C-alpha atoms as a PDB file:
ATOM      1  CA  UNK A   1     -49.241  16.545   0.809  1.00  0.00           C
ATOM      2  CA  UNK A   2     -52.007  18.318  -1.094  1.00  0.00           C
ATOM      3  CA  UNK A   3     -52.040  21.148   1.444  1.00  0.00           C
ATOM      4  CA  UNK A   4     -48.262  21.550   1.229  1.00  0.00           C
ATOM      5  CA  UNK A   5     -48.269  21.612  -2.571  1.00  0.00           C
ATOM      6  CA  UNK A   6     -51.387  23.797  -2.694  1.00  0.00           C
ATOM      7  CA  UNK A   7     -49.788  26.372  -0.401  1.00  0.00           C
ATOM      8  CA  UNK A   8     -46.712  26.670  -2.582  1.00  0.00           C
ATOM      9  CA  UNK A   9     -48.901  26.765  -5.683  1.00  0.00           C
ATOM     10  CA  UNK A  10     -51.252  29.470  -4.415  1.00  0.00           C
ATOM     11  CA  UNK A  11     -48.416  31.661  -3.181  1.00  0.00           C
ATOM     12  CA  UNK A  12     -46.752  31.470  -6.546  1.00  0.00           C
ATOM     13  CA  UNK A  13     -49.805  32.314  -8.708  1.00  0.00           C
ATOM     14  CA  UNK A  14     -50.762  35.234  -6.427  1.00  0.00           C
ATOM     15  CA  UNK A  15     -54.253  33.945  -5.697  1.00  0.00           C
ATOM     16  CA  UNK A  16     -55.317  33.673  -9.343  1.00  0.00           C
ATOM     17  CA  UNK A  17     -55.865  29.917  -9.073  1.00  0.00           C
ATOM     18  CA  UNK A  18     -54.011  29.175 -12.311  1.00  0.00           C
ATOM     19  CA  UNK A  19     -50.408  29.263 -13.541  1.00  0.00           C
ATOM     20  CA  UNK A  20     -49.080  29.656 -17.068  1.00  0.00           C
ATOM     21  CA  UNK A  21     -46.034  27.977 -18.566  1.00  0.00           C
ATOM     22  CA  UNK A  22     -43.724  30.965 -18.050  1.00  0.00           C
ATOM     23  CA  UNK A  23     -44.559  31.197 -14.352  1.00  0.00           C
ATOM     24  CA  UNK A  24     -44.131  27.459 -13.936  1.00  0.00           C
ATOM     25  CA  UNK A  25     -40.756  27.400 -15.732  1.00  0.00           C
ATOM     26  CA  UNK A  26     -39.443  30.350 -13.716  1.00  0.00           C
ATOM     27  CA  UNK A  27     -40.513  28.802 -10.422  1.00  0.00           C
ATOM     28  CA  UNK A  28     -39.114  25.340 -11.220  1.00  0.00           C
ATOM     29  CA  UNK A  29     -36.015  26.643 -13.038  1.00  0.00           C
ATOM     30  CA  UNK A  30     -36.852  24.844 -16.301  1.00  0.00           C
ATOM     31  CA  UNK A  31     -35.687  25.903 -19.752  1.00  0.00           C
ATOM     32  CA  UNK A  32     -38.513  26.166 -22.239  1.00  0.00           C
ATOM     33  CA  UNK A  33     -38.092  23.888 -25.271  1.00  0.00           C
ATOM     34  CA  UNK A  34     -40.197  21.734 -27.586  1.00  0.00           C
ATOM     35  CA  UNK A  35     -40.313  18.904 -25.047  1.00  0.00           C
ATOM     36  CA  UNK A  36     -41.706  21.072 -22.265  1.00  0.00           C
ATOM     37  CA  UNK A  37     -44.182  22.673 -24.662  1.00  0.00           C
ATOM     38  CA  UNK A  38     -45.478  19.224 -25.602  1.00  0.00           C
ATOM     39  CA  UNK A  39     -45.596  18.173 -21.943  1.00  0.00           C
ATOM     40  CA  UNK A  40     -47.519  21.340 -21.060  1.00  0.00           C
ATOM     41  CA  UNK A  41     -50.101  20.575 -23.740  1.00  0.00           C
ATOM     42  CA  UNK A  42     -50.681  17.122 -22.213  1.00  0.00           C
ATOM     43  CA  UNK A  43     -50.980  18.497 -18.669  1.00  0.00           C
ATOM     44  CA  UNK A  44     -53.319  21.295 -19.786  1.00  0.00           C
ATOM     45  CA  UNK A  45     -56.413  19.143 -20.235  1.00  0.00           C
ATOM     46  CA  UNK A  46     -58.807  21.965 -21.200  1.00  0.00           C
ATOM     47  CA  UNK A  47     -56.213  23.544 -23.526  1.00  0.00           C
ATOM     48  CA  UNK A  48     -56.680  27.055 -22.125  1.00  0.00           C
ATOM     49  CA  UNK A  49     -52.922  27.675 -21.838  1.00  0.00           C
ATOM     50  CA  UNK A  50     -52.835  27.591 -18.018  1.00  0.00           C
ATOM     51  CA  UNK A  51     -52.948  24.921 -15.323  1.00  0.00           C
ATOM     52  CA  UNK A  52     -55.473  24.925 -12.542  1.00  0.00           C
ATOM     53  CA  UNK A  53     -54.629  23.271  -9.248  1.00  0.00           C
ATOM     54  CA  UNK A  54     -56.640  20.174 -10.220  1.00  0.00           C
ATOM     55  CA  UNK A  55     -54.851  19.891 -13.560  1.00  0.00           C
ATOM     56  CA  UNK A  56     -51.542  20.272 -11.795  1.00  0.00           C
ATOM     57  CA  UNK A  57     -52.306  17.468  -9.322  1.00  0.00           C
ATOM     58  CA  UNK A  58     -53.398  15.142 -12.103  1.00  0.00           C
ATOM     59  CA  UNK A  59     -50.345  16.080 -14.126  1.00  0.00           C
ATOM     60  CA  UNK A  60     -48.072  15.402 -11.192  1.00  0.00           C
ATOM     61  CA  UNK A  61     -49.629  11.985 -10.771  1.00  0.00           C
ATOM     62  CA  UNK A  62     -49.061  11.155 -14.448  1.00  0.00           C
ATOM     63  CA  UNK A  63     -45.576  12.644 -14.615  1.00  0.00           C
ATOM     64  CA  UNK A  64     -43.866  12.693 -11.208  1.00  0.00           C
ATOM     65  CA  UNK A  65     -45.427   9.496  -9.836  1.00  0.00           C
ATOM     66  CA  UNK A  66     -45.369   7.404 -13.020  1.00  0.00           C
ATOM     67  CA  UNK A  67     -43.587   4.071 -13.215  1.00  0.00           C
ATOM     68  CA  UNK A  68     -40.602   3.842 -15.582  1.00  0.00           C
ATOM     69  CA  UNK A  69     -42.719   2.236 -18.318  1.00  0.00           C
ATOM     70  CA  UNK A  70     -45.508   4.797 -17.885  1.00  0.00           C
ATOM     71  CA  UNK A  71     -43.002   7.633 -17.968  1.00  0.00           C
ATOM     72  CA  UNK A  72     -41.514   6.280 -21.181  1.00  0.00           C
ATOM     73  CA  UNK A  73     -44.968   6.116 -22.787  1.00  0.00           C
ATOM     74  CA  UNK A  74     -45.658   9.689 -21.702  1.00  0.00           C
ATOM     75  CA  UNK A  75     -42.336  10.827 -23.179  1.00  0.00           C
ATOM     76  CA  UNK A  76     -43.151   9.221 -26.518  1.00  0.00           C
ATOM     77  CA  UNK A  77     -46.590  10.818 -26.411  1.00  0.00           C
ATOM     78  CA  UNK A  78     -44.978  14.245 -25.883  1.00  0.00           C
ATOM     79  CA  UNK A  79     -42.917  13.898 -29.061  1.00  0.00           C
ATOM     80  CA  UNK A  80     -45.731  12.207 -31.038  1.00  0.00           C
ATOM     81  CA  UNK A  81     -47.866  15.325 -31.353  1.00  0.00           C
ATOM     82  CA  UNK A  82     -50.259  14.021 -34.003  1.00  0.00           C
ATOM     83  CA  UNK A  83     -50.793  10.766 -32.090  1.00  0.00           C
ATOM     84  CA  UNK A  84     -50.240   8.434 -35.074  1.00  0.00           C
ATOM     85  CA  UNK A  85     -47.751   6.271 -33.133  1.00  0.00           C
ATOM     86  CA  UNK A  86     -44.667   7.353 -35.127  1.00  0.00           C
ATOM     87  CA  UNK A  87     -41.974   9.994 -34.831  1.00  0.00           C
ATOM     88  CA  UNK A  88     -41.330  11.381 -38.308  1.00  0.00           C
ATOM     89  CA  UNK A  89     -40.576  14.635 -40.095  1.00  0.00           C
ATOM     90  CA  UNK A  90     -40.914  17.576 -37.657  1.00  0.00           C
ATOM     91  CA  UNK A  91     -41.547  15.277 -34.691  1.00  0.00           C
ATOM     92  CA  UNK A  92     -38.352  13.383 -35.415  1.00  0.00           C
ATOM     93  CA  UNK A  93     -36.435  16.630 -35.720  1.00  0.00           C
ATOM     94  CA  UNK A  94     -37.820  17.869 -32.375  1.00  0.00           C
ATOM     95  CA  UNK A  95     -36.828  14.569 -30.761  1.00  0.00           C
ATOM     96  CA  UNK A  96     -33.313  14.844 -32.154  1.00  0.00           C
ATOM     97  CA  UNK A  97     -32.992  18.478 -31.089  1.00  0.00           C
ATOM     98  CA  UNK A  98     -34.070  17.739 -27.507  1.00  0.00           C
ATOM     99  CA  UNK A  99     -32.064  14.530 -26.938  1.00  0.00           C
ATOM    100  CA  UNK A 100     -29.108  14.886 -29.337  1.00  0.00           C
ATOM    101  CA  UNK A 101     -29.139  18.545 -30.314  1.00  0.00           C
ATOM    102  CA  UNK A 102     -26.369  21.090 -30.624  1.00  0.00           C
ATOM    103  CA  UNK A 103     -26.030  21.565 -26.865  1.00  0.00           C
ATOM    104  CA  UNK A 104     -26.293  17.880 -26.018  1.00  0.00           C
ATOM    105  CA  UNK A 105     -23.395  15.815 -24.727  1.00  0.00           C
ATOM    106  CA  UNK A 106     -23.649  13.630 -27.854  1.00  0.00           C
ATOM    107  CA  UNK A 107     -24.964  15.773 -30.744  1.00  0.00           C
ATOM    108  CA  UNK A 108     -26.202  13.641 -33.637  1.00  0.00           C
ATOM    109  CA  UNK A 109     -27.625  14.301 -37.073  1.00  0.00           C
ATOM    110  CA  UNK A 110     -31.072  13.036 -38.053  1.00  0.00           C
ATOM    111  CA  UNK A 111     -29.534  10.404 -40.344  1.00  0.00           C
ATOM    112  CA  UNK A 112     -27.314   9.089 -37.558  1.00  0.00           C
ATOM    113  CA  UNK A 113     -30.260   9.039 -35.156  1.00  0.00           C
ATOM    114  CA  UNK A 114     -32.291   6.950 -37.601  1.00  0.00           C
ATOM    115  CA  UNK A 115     -29.409   4.498 -38.018  1.00  0.00           C
ATOM    116  CA  UNK A 116     -29.335   4.006 -34.237  1.00  0.00           C
ATOM    117  CA  UNK A 117     -33.073   3.867 -33.528  1.00  0.00           C
ATOM    118  CA  UNK A 118     -34.875   2.942 -36.756  1.00  0.00           C
ATOM    119  CA  UNK A 119     -34.594  -0.851 -36.798  1.00  0.00           C
ATOM    120  CA  UNK A 120     -37.196  -1.257 -39.565  1.00  0.00           C
ATOM    121  CA  UNK A 121     -35.399   1.257 -41.797  1.00  0.00           C
ATOM    122  CA  UNK A 122     -38.686   2.938 -42.746  1.00  0.00           C
ATOM    123  CA  UNK A 123     -37.547   6.484 -41.916  1.00  0.00           C
ATOM    124  CA  UNK A 124     -39.604   6.790 -38.724  1.00  0.00           C
ATOM    125  CA  UNK A 125     -39.541   5.577 -35.136  1.00  0.00           C
ATOM    126  CA  UNK A 126     -42.397   3.721 -33.445  1.00  0.00           C
ATOM    127  CA  UNK A 127     -42.806   3.146 -29.712  1.00  0.00           C
ATOM    128  CA  UNK A 128     -41.067  -0.255 -29.675  1.00  0.00           C
ATOM    129  CA  UNK A 129     -38.040   1.227 -31.418  1.00  0.00           C
ATOM    130  CA  UNK A 130     -38.185   4.210 -29.058  1.00  0.00           C
ATOM    131  CA  UNK A 131     -38.272   1.880 -26.050  1.00  0.00           C
ATOM    132  CA  UNK A 132     -35.336  -0.152 -27.329  1.00  0.00           C
ATOM    133  CA  UNK A 133     -33.363   3.017 -28.055  1.00  0.00           C
ATOM    134  CA  UNK A 134     -33.977   4.288 -24.492  1.00  0.00           C
ATOM    135  CA  UNK A 135     -32.455   1.069 -23.129  1.00  0.00           C
ATOM    136  CA  UNK A 136     -29.455   1.129 -25.466  1.00  0.00           C
ATOM    137  CA  UNK A 137     -28.899   4.896 -25.363  1.00  0.00           C
ATOM    138  CA  UNK A 138     -30.071   6.487 -22.068  1.00  0.00           C
ATOM    139  CA  UNK A 139     -29.500   9.957 -23.546  1.00  0.00           C
ATOM    140  CA  UNK A 140     -32.814   9.446 -25.363  1.00  0.00           C
ATOM    141  CA  UNK A 141     -34.749  10.213 -22.167  1.00  0.00           C
ATOM    142  CA  UNK A 142     -32.341  12.496 -20.326  1.00  0.00           C
ATOM    143  CA  UNK A 143     -34.560  15.549 -20.840  1.00  0.00           C
ATOM    144  CA  UNK A 144     -37.646  14.014 -19.259  1.00  0.00           C
ATOM    145  CA  UNK A 145     -35.691  13.136 -16.102  1.00  0.00           C
ATOM    146  CA  UNK A 146     -34.107  16.585 -16.055  1.00  0.00           C
ATOM    147  CA  UNK A 147     -37.532  18.260 -16.053  1.00  0.00           C
ATOM    148  CA  UNK A 148     -38.857  15.755 -13.523  1.00  0.00           C
ATOM    149  CA  UNK A 149     -35.992  16.425 -11.091  1.00  0.00           C
ATOM    150  CA  UNK A 150     -36.442  20.200 -11.427  1.00  0.00           C
ATOM    151  CA  UNK A 151     -40.158  20.013 -10.570  1.00  0.00           C
ATOM    152  CA  UNK A 152     -39.564  17.655  -7.635  1.00  0.00           C
ATOM    153  CA  UNK A 153     -36.864  19.917  -6.210  1.00  0.00           C
ATOM    154  CA  UNK A 154     -39.003  23.057  -6.518  1.00  0.00           C
ATOM    155  CA  UNK A 155     -42.244  21.551  -5.175  1.00  0.00           C
ATOM    156  CA  UNK A 156     -41.779  19.594  -1.979  1.00  0.00           C
ATOM    157  CA  UNK A 157     -38.312  18.205  -2.557  1.00  0.00           C
ATOM    158  CA  UNK A 158     -37.167  14.854  -3.949  1.00  0.00           C
ATOM    159  CA  UNK A 159     -37.626  12.909  -0.633  1.00  0.00           C
ATOM    160  CA  UNK A 160     -41.236  14.103  -0.422  1.00  0.00           C
ATOM    161  CA  UNK A 161     -42.115  12.717  -3.853  1.00  0.00           C
ATOM    162  CA  UNK A 162     -40.083   9.567  -3.293  1.00  0.00           C
ATOM    163  CA  UNK A 163     -42.143   8.721  -0.195  1.00  0.00           C
ATOM    164  CA  UNK A 164     -45.385   9.145  -2.140  1.00  0.00           C
ATOM    165  CA  UNK A 165     -43.975   7.072  -4.993  1.00  0.00           C
ATOM    166  CA  UNK A 166     -43.093   4.315  -2.527  1.00  0.00           C
ATOM    167  CA  UNK A 167     -46.646   4.212  -1.212  1.00  0.00           C
ATOM    168  CA  UNK A 168     -48.136   3.983  -4.700  1.00  0.00           C
ATOM    169  CA  UNK A 169     -45.606   1.523  -6.152  1.00  0.00           C
ATOM    170  CA  UNK A 170     -44.034  -0.551  -3.342  1.00  0.00           C
ATOM    171  CA  UNK A 171     -43.066  -3.281  -5.812  1.00  0.00           C
ATOM    172  CA  UNK A 172     -40.758  -0.856  -7.642  1.00  0.00           C
ATOM    173  CA  UNK A 173     -39.143   0.216  -4.378  1.00  0.00           C
ATOM    174  CA  UNK A 174     -38.325  -3.424  -3.604  1.00  0.00           C
ATOM    175  CA  UNK A 175     -36.940  -3.871  -7.102  1.00  0.00           C
ATOM    176  CA  UNK A 176     -34.871  -0.693  -6.786  1.00  0.00           C
ATOM    177  CA  UNK A 177     -33.488  -1.946  -3.473  1.00  0.00           C
ATOM    178  CA  UNK A 178     -32.583  -5.305  -5.005  1.00  0.00           C
ATOM    179  CA  UNK A 179     -30.926  -3.600  -7.958  1.00  0.00           C
ATOM    180  CA  UNK A 180     -29.098  -1.281  -5.585  1.00  0.00           C
ATOM    181  CA  UNK A 181     -27.679  -4.232  -3.612  1.00  0.00           C
ATOM    182  CA  UNK A 182     -26.590  -5.971  -6.816  1.00  0.00           C
ATOM    183  CA  UNK A 183     -24.884  -2.831  -8.071  1.00  0.00           C
ATOM    184  CA  UNK A 184     -23.080  -2.382  -4.753  1.00  0.00           C
ATOM    185  CA  UNK A 185     -21.929  -6.013  -4.773  1.00  0.00           C
ATOM    186  CA  UNK A 186     -20.630  -5.577  -8.311  1.00  0.00           C
ATOM    187  CA  UNK A 187     -18.856  -2.365  -7.359  1.00  0.00           C
ATOM    188  CA  UNK A 188     -17.217  -4.016  -4.344  1.00  0.00           C
ATOM    189  CA  UNK A 189     -15.983  -6.849  -6.544  1.00  0.00           C
ATOM    190  CA  UNK A 190     -14.584  -4.389  -9.065  1.00  0.00           C
ATOM    191  CA  UNK A 191     -12.950  -2.409  -6.238  1.00  0.00           C
ATOM    192  CA  UNK A 192     -11.216  -5.559  -4.943  1.00  0.00           C
ATOM    193  CA  UNK A 193      -9.911  -6.377  -8.403  1.00  0.00           C
ATOM    194  CA  UNK A 194      -8.684  -2.815  -8.850  1.00  0.00           C
ATOM    195  CA  UNK A 195      -7.003  -2.896  -5.436  1.00  0.00           C
ATOM    196  CA  UNK A 196      -5.146  -6.089  -6.326  1.00  0.00           C
ATOM    197  CA  UNK A 197      -4.038  -4.590  -9.630  1.00  0.00           C
ATOM    198  CA  UNK A 198      -2.787  -1.408  -7.954  1.00  0.00           C
ATOM    199  CA  UNK A 199      -1.002  -3.362  -5.207  1.00  0.00           C
ATOM    200  CA  UNK A 200       0.604  -5.639  -7.792  1.00  0.00           C
ATOM    201  CA  UNK A 201       1.787  -2.620  -9.786  1.00  0.00           C
ATOM    202  CA  UNK A 202       3.294  -1.067  -6.652  1.00  0.00           C
ATOM    203  CA  UNK A 203       5.118  -4.307  -5.792  1.00  0.00           C
ATOM    204  CA  UNK A 204       6.534  -4.594  -9.312  1.00  0.00           C
ATOM    205  CA  UNK A 205       7.631  -0.974  -9.195  1.00  0.00           C
ATOM    206  CA  UNK A 206       9.387  -1.462  -5.841  1.00  0.00           C
ATOM    207  CA  UNK A 207      11.067  -4.637  -7.103  1.00  0.00           C
ATOM    208  CA  UNK A 208      12.748  -2.586  -9.821  1.00  0.00           C
ATOM    209  CA  UNK A 209      14.787  -0.912  -7.059  1.00  0.00           C
ATOM    210  CA  UNK A 210      14.968  -3.920  -4.722  1.00  0.00           C
ATOM    211  CA  UNK A 211      15.634  -7.100  -6.759  1.00  0.00           C
ATOM    212  CA  UNK A 212      15.821  -9.175  -3.568  1.00  0.00           C
ATOM    213  CA  UNK A 213      12.031  -9.205  -3.510  1.00  0.00           C
ATOM    214  CA  UNK A 214      12.076 -11.229  -6.711  1.00  0.00           C
ATOM    215  CA  UNK A 215      14.280 -14.000  -5.284  1.00  0.00           C
ATOM    216  CA  UNK A 216      12.489 -17.299  -4.975  1.00  0.00           C
ATOM    217  CA  UNK A 217      12.925 -19.890  -2.242  1.00  0.00           C
ATOM    218  CA  UNK A 218      15.652 -22.368  -2.967  1.00  0.00           C
ATOM    219  CA  UNK A 219      14.515 -25.783  -4.106  1.00  0.00           C
ATOM    220  CA  UNK A 220      15.521 -28.244  -1.376  1.00  0.00           C
ATOM    221  CA  UNK A 221      15.076 -31.187  -3.731  1.00  0.00           C
ATOM    222  CA  UNK A 222      18.081 -29.980  -5.736  1.00  0.00           C
ATOM    223  CA  UNK A 223      20.314 -30.364  -2.707  1.00  0.00           C
ATOM    224  CA  UNK A 224      19.159 -33.832  -1.763  1.00  0.00           C
ATOM    225  CA  UNK A 225      19.053 -35.175  -5.323  1.00  0.00           C
ATOM    226  CA  UNK A 226      21.715 -37.944  -5.527  1.00  0.00           C
ATOM    227  CA  UNK A 227      22.747 -36.688  -8.965  1.00  0.00           C
ATOM    228  CA  UNK A 228      23.851 -33.405  -7.438  1.00  0.00           C
ATOM    229  CA  UNK A 229      25.974 -34.902  -4.678  1.00  0.00           C
ATOM    230  CA  UNK A 230      29.716 -34.281  -4.840  1.00  0.00           C
ATOM    231  CA  UNK A 231      32.398 -36.631  -3.501  1.00  0.00           C
ATOM    232  CA  UNK A 232      34.201 -33.966  -1.504  1.00  0.00           C
ATOM    233  CA  UNK A 233      34.639 -33.660   2.213  1.00  0.00           C
ATOM    234  CA  UNK A 234      32.348 -30.908   3.475  1.00  0.00           C
ATOM    235  CA  UNK A 235      30.145 -30.705   0.327  1.00  0.00           C
ATOM    236  CA  UNK A 236      27.983 -33.666   1.266  1.00  0.00           C
ATOM    237  CA  UNK A 237      27.375 -35.295   4.606  1.00  0.00           C
ATOM    238  CA  UNK A 238      27.350 -38.822   3.222  1.00  0.00           C
ATOM    239  CA  UNK A 239      29.331 -38.902  -0.066  1.00  0.00           C
ATOM    240  CA  UNK A 240      30.566 -42.509   0.212  1.00  0.00           C
ATOM    241  CA  UNK A 241      31.417 -45.162   2.816  1.00  0.00           C
ATOM    242  CA  UNK A 242      35.149 -44.393   3.054  1.00  0.00           C
ATOM    243  CA  UNK A 243      34.685 -40.679   3.565  1.00  0.00           C
ATOM    244  CA  UNK A 244      31.882 -41.312   6.041  1.00  0.00           C
ATOM    245  CA  UNK A 245      34.129 -43.554   8.122  1.00  0.00           C
ATOM    246  CA  UNK A 246      36.903 -40.944   8.100  1.00  0.00           C
ATOM    247  CA  UNK A 247      34.575 -38.152   9.166  1.00  0.00           C
ATOM    248  CA  UNK A 248      33.174 -40.247  11.982  1.00  0.00           C
ATOM    249  CA  UNK A 249      36.744 -40.810  13.202  1.00  0.00           C
ATOM    250  CA  UNK A 250      37.259 -37.026  13.157  1.00  0.00           C
ATOM    251  CA  UNK A 251      34.195 -36.500  15.280  1.00  0.00           C
ATOM    252  CA  UNK A 252      35.363 -38.817  18.073  1.00  0.00           C
ATOM    253  CA  UNK A 253      38.812 -37.252  18.099  1.00  0.00           C
ATOM    254  CA  UNK A 254      39.223 -34.867  21.060  1.00  0.00           C
ATOM    255  CA  UNK A 255      41.470 -32.519  19.077  1.00  0.00           C
ATOM    256  CA  UNK A 256      38.731 -31.879  16.488  1.00  0.00           C
ATOM    257  CA  UNK A 257      36.626 -28.759  17.011  1.00  0.00           C
ATOM    258  CA  UNK A 258      33.553 -28.973  14.832  1.00  0.00           C
ATOM    259  CA  UNK A 259      32.608 -25.344  15.479  1.00  0.00           C
ATOM    260  CA  UNK A 260      35.737 -23.958  13.811  1.00  0.00           C
ATOM    261  CA  UNK A 261      35.778 -24.656  10.077  1.00  0.00           C
ATOM    262  CA  UNK A 262      39.303 -23.375   9.496  1.00  0.00           C
ATOM    263  CA  UNK A 263      40.758 -25.600  12.219  1.00  0.00           C
ATOM    264  CA  UNK A 264      38.766 -28.478  10.792  1.00  0.00           C
ATOM    265  CA  UNK A 265      40.181 -27.879   7.328  1.00  0.00           C
ATOM    266  CA  UNK A 266      43.760 -27.765   8.644  1.00  0.00           C
ATOM    267  CA  UNK A 267      43.121 -30.845  10.708  1.00  0.00           C
ATOM    268  CA  UNK A 268      41.813 -32.741   7.696  1.00  0.00           C
ATOM    269  CA  UNK A 269      44.848 -31.735   5.653  1.00  0.00           C
ATOM    270  CA  UNK A 270      47.172 -32.899   8.427  1.00  0.00           C
ATOM    271  CA  UNK A 271      45.486 -36.276   8.745  1.00  0.00           C
ATOM    272  CA  UNK A 272      45.432 -36.688   4.985  1.00  0.00           C
ATOM    273  CA  UNK A 273      49.168 -35.947   4.824  1.00  0.00           C
ATOM    274  CA  UNK A 274      49.811 -38.494   7.568  1.00  0.00           C
ATOM    275  CA  UNK A 275      47.823 -41.123   5.706  1.00  0.00           C
ATOM    276  CA  UNK A 276      49.796 -40.519   2.524  1.00  0.00           C
ATOM    277  CA  UNK A 277      53.111 -40.574   4.410  1.00  0.00           C
ATOM    278  CA  UNK A 278      52.210 -43.843   6.127  1.00  0.00           C
ATOM    279  CA  UNK A 279      51.308 -45.456   2.848  1.00  0.00           C
ATOM    280  CA  UNK A 280      54.599 -44.404   1.286  1.00  0.00           C
ATOM    281  CA  UNK A 281      56.569 -45.924   4.114  1.00  0.00           C
END
């Protein structure tokens, strides 16, 4: 990988063996700002304003191949120019301008930034507060990852650097894979819930035009409850002993056709009239 990176590097600096910040930014498509200026000062170990190939390799190791915690420490070091362990005054303003400036997605004032990040309320931010703020507000470190992605894309490509990172830090690759599986499982669960909600909404919408879908199954217990039985012929199979005996007599009668309800009704009326006439006589 050194030969691949060295070839790209040498072609870009036209055989001079060094590259300045303007050449580097143009090649990697990076906008120059206070963050990149501070990063360049850290990478330029001899402070001559340019990077040799050795300085570039060491810088790549510290920046592109750093673990998340190491990268966060490097980011704080970039903003903490005097190295006193605090971001205050001009350093705090540079940090706000880079992470929450005018062209940021969430522009914030310095006072608002201190309310979010300064837990001690001492008007400055130390590394522990910076680390906590990066976890609560990822926009704090968006610029460092933006520069990192630009360099990886321009020099070798993201897969190239990811393979090297995996060799140096296999434990982080395993952790990333575990986190990736957990995120996918969570997303699948959320997708199932969303699918049920959408399907339920569609069913309710359709039921507004088709009320029959809202009809519930009839409760059989209501029909067989003795309290709901009626003493009428045809309403209940077994209303009482007298009616049961009469209906059994109908069934054995050859003139009774059980498949024709109208004939049955006329037949019942005729027999009932005969019974009443016989009683009168």
